[in-house]
């Protein structure tokens, strides 16, 4: 006898109703999903990741400037690139109706994802 047969025999001996698989309904029947909230949520997540990377690159650039690793041209190029990226982030936040605070995910006991300084 297999384990499943033994379980079925035990259920029958106890007089319990036979086990039936749960009926699963499609997601859109269980959860109200609208296109705008999904789009905004996905944009918020992607922009949060991009903002985190932007801030990390900015900190790394500042460290390299402080160490004297970079030429004046490199410093100028990095500064221009970071400013352009920050401008694009502002445009994308505006497009999706997000504020900078919307991108700062709360990690519970660890605190916010992005520094607030």
Protein backbone atom coordinates (compact mmCIF):
# COMPACT_ATOMS: atom_id res chain seq x y z
CA UNK A 1 0.00 0.00 0.00
CA UNK A 2 1.22 3.52 -0.75
CA UNK A 3 1.20 6.35 1.77
CA UNK A 4 -1.73 7.99 -0.04
CA UNK A 5 -3.84 4.83 0.19
CA UNK A 6 -3.10 4.54 3.91
CA UNK A 7 -4.15 8.14 4.44
CA UNK A 8 -7.37 7.56 2.49
CA UNK A 9 -8.08 4.43 4.54
CA UNK A 10 -7.49 6.33 7.77
CA UNK A 11 -9.82 9.15 6.68
CA UNK A 12 -12.49 6.59 5.76
CA UNK A 13 -12.07 4.74 9.07
CA UNK A 14 -12.48 8.00 11.02
CA UNK A 15 -15.61 8.85 9.07
CA UNK A 16 -14.17 12.18 7.97
CA UNK A 17 -15.25 13.66 4.66
CA UNK A 18 -13.00 12.80 1.73
CA UNK A 19 -10.21 15.27 0.99
CA UNK A 20 -10.79 17.55 -1.96
CA UNK A 21 -8.31 19.83 -3.65
CA UNK A 22 -8.91 23.54 -3.10
CA UNK A 23 -10.43 25.34 -6.03
CA UNK A 24 -8.11 28.08 -7.22
CA UNK A 25 -9.53 31.10 -8.97
CA UNK A 26 -7.58 33.40 -11.27
CA UNK A 27 -5.78 36.29 -9.59
CA UNK A 28 -7.96 38.98 -11.10
CA UNK A 29 -11.04 37.43 -9.48
CA UNK A 30 -9.48 37.45 -6.01
CA UNK A 31 -7.63 40.76 -6.10
CA UNK A 32 -8.85 44.00 -7.58
CA UNK A 33 -6.08 44.89 -10.01
CA UNK A 34 -6.18 48.04 -12.06
CA UNK A 35 -3.67 48.90 -14.72
CA UNK A 36 -2.76 52.32 -13.30
CA UNK A 37 -1.88 51.06 -9.83
CA UNK A 38 0.19 48.21 -11.26
CA UNK A 39 2.03 50.59 -13.59
CA UNK A 40 2.68 53.08 -10.79
CA UNK A 41 3.85 50.32 -8.43
CA UNK A 42 6.24 48.88 -11.00
CA UNK A 43 7.56 52.35 -11.87
CA UNK A 44 8.07 53.05 -8.17
CA UNK A 45 10.04 49.82 -7.72
CA UNK A 46 12.23 50.39 -10.79
CA UNK A 47 12.88 54.03 -9.92
CA UNK A 48 13.76 53.03 -6.35
CA UNK A 49 16.44 50.66 -7.65
CA UNK A 50 17.76 53.29 -10.07
CA UNK A 51 17.83 55.92 -7.30
CA UNK A 52 19.70 53.55 -4.99
CA UNK A 53 22.30 52.90 -7.70
CA UNK A 54 22.53 56.63 -8.49
CA UNK A 55 23.25 57.43 -4.85
CA UNK A 56 25.84 54.65 -4.60
CA UNK A 57 27.61 55.90 -7.76
CA UNK A 58 27.57 59.44 -6.38
CA UNK A 59 29.15 58.34 -3.10
CA UNK A 60 31.79 56.32 -4.93
CA UNK A 61 32.59 59.31 -7.15
CA UNK A 62 32.97 61.55 -4.09
CA UNK A 63 35.31 59.02 -2.48
CA UNK A 64 37.44 58.91 -5.61
CA UNK A 65 37.54 62.73 -5.77
CA UNK A 66 38.59 62.85 -2.10
CA UNK A 67 41.35 60.30 -2.78
CA UNK A 68 42.63 62.34 -5.75
CA UNK A 69 42.22 59.41 -8.18
CA UNK A 70 40.49 61.45 -10.87
CA UNK A 71 41.60 64.07 -13.36
CA UNK A 72 39.71 67.35 -13.67
CA UNK A 73 38.11 66.08 -16.90
CA UNK A 74 36.90 62.90 -15.20
CA UNK A 75 35.49 64.89 -12.28
CA UNK A 76 33.66 67.18 -14.70
CA UNK A 77 32.32 64.23 -16.70
CA UNK A 78 31.09 62.39 -13.61
CA UNK A 79 29.47 65.52 -12.23
CA UNK A 80 27.67 66.25 -15.51
CA UNK A 81 26.48 62.65 -15.82
CA UNK A 82 25.19 62.51 -12.25
CA UNK A 83 23.35 65.82 -12.66
CA UNK A 84 21.74 64.60 -15.90
CA UNK A 85 20.70 61.35 -14.21
CA UNK A 86 19.19 63.27 -11.30
CA UNK A 87 17.22 65.46 -13.75
CA UNK A 88 15.92 62.38 -15.59
CA UNK A 89 14.89 60.82 -12.29
CA UNK A 90 12.92 63.98 -11.43
CA UNK A 91 11.17 63.88 -14.82
CA UNK A 92 10.27 60.20 -14.41
CA UNK A 93 8.99 60.76 -10.87
CA UNK A 94 6.81 63.61 -12.15
CA UNK A 95 5.55 61.48 -15.05
CA UNK A 96 4.40 58.72 -12.70
CA UNK A 97 3.20 61.10 -9.97
CA UNK A 98 5.81 59.99 -7.44
CA UNK A 99 7.68 62.00 -4.85
CA UNK A 100 11.22 61.25 -3.65
CA UNK A 101 9.67 59.90 -0.43
CA UNK A 102 7.66 57.36 -2.46
CA UNK A 103 10.93 55.76 -3.57
CA UNK A 104 12.23 55.26 -0.05
CA UNK A 105 11.03 51.78 0.89
CA UNK A 106 10.61 51.14 4.60
CA UNK A 107 12.59 48.02 5.54
CA UNK A 108 10.94 47.70 8.94
CA UNK A 109 13.48 47.25 11.73
CA UNK A 110 16.33 48.09 9.34
CA UNK A 111 14.87 51.53 8.61
CA UNK A 112 14.45 53.22 5.23
CA UNK A 113 16.28 51.89 2.16
CA UNK A 114 17.61 55.27 1.03
CA UNK A 115 19.45 57.65 3.34
CA UNK A 116 17.48 60.77 4.17
CA UNK A 117 20.45 63.13 4.43
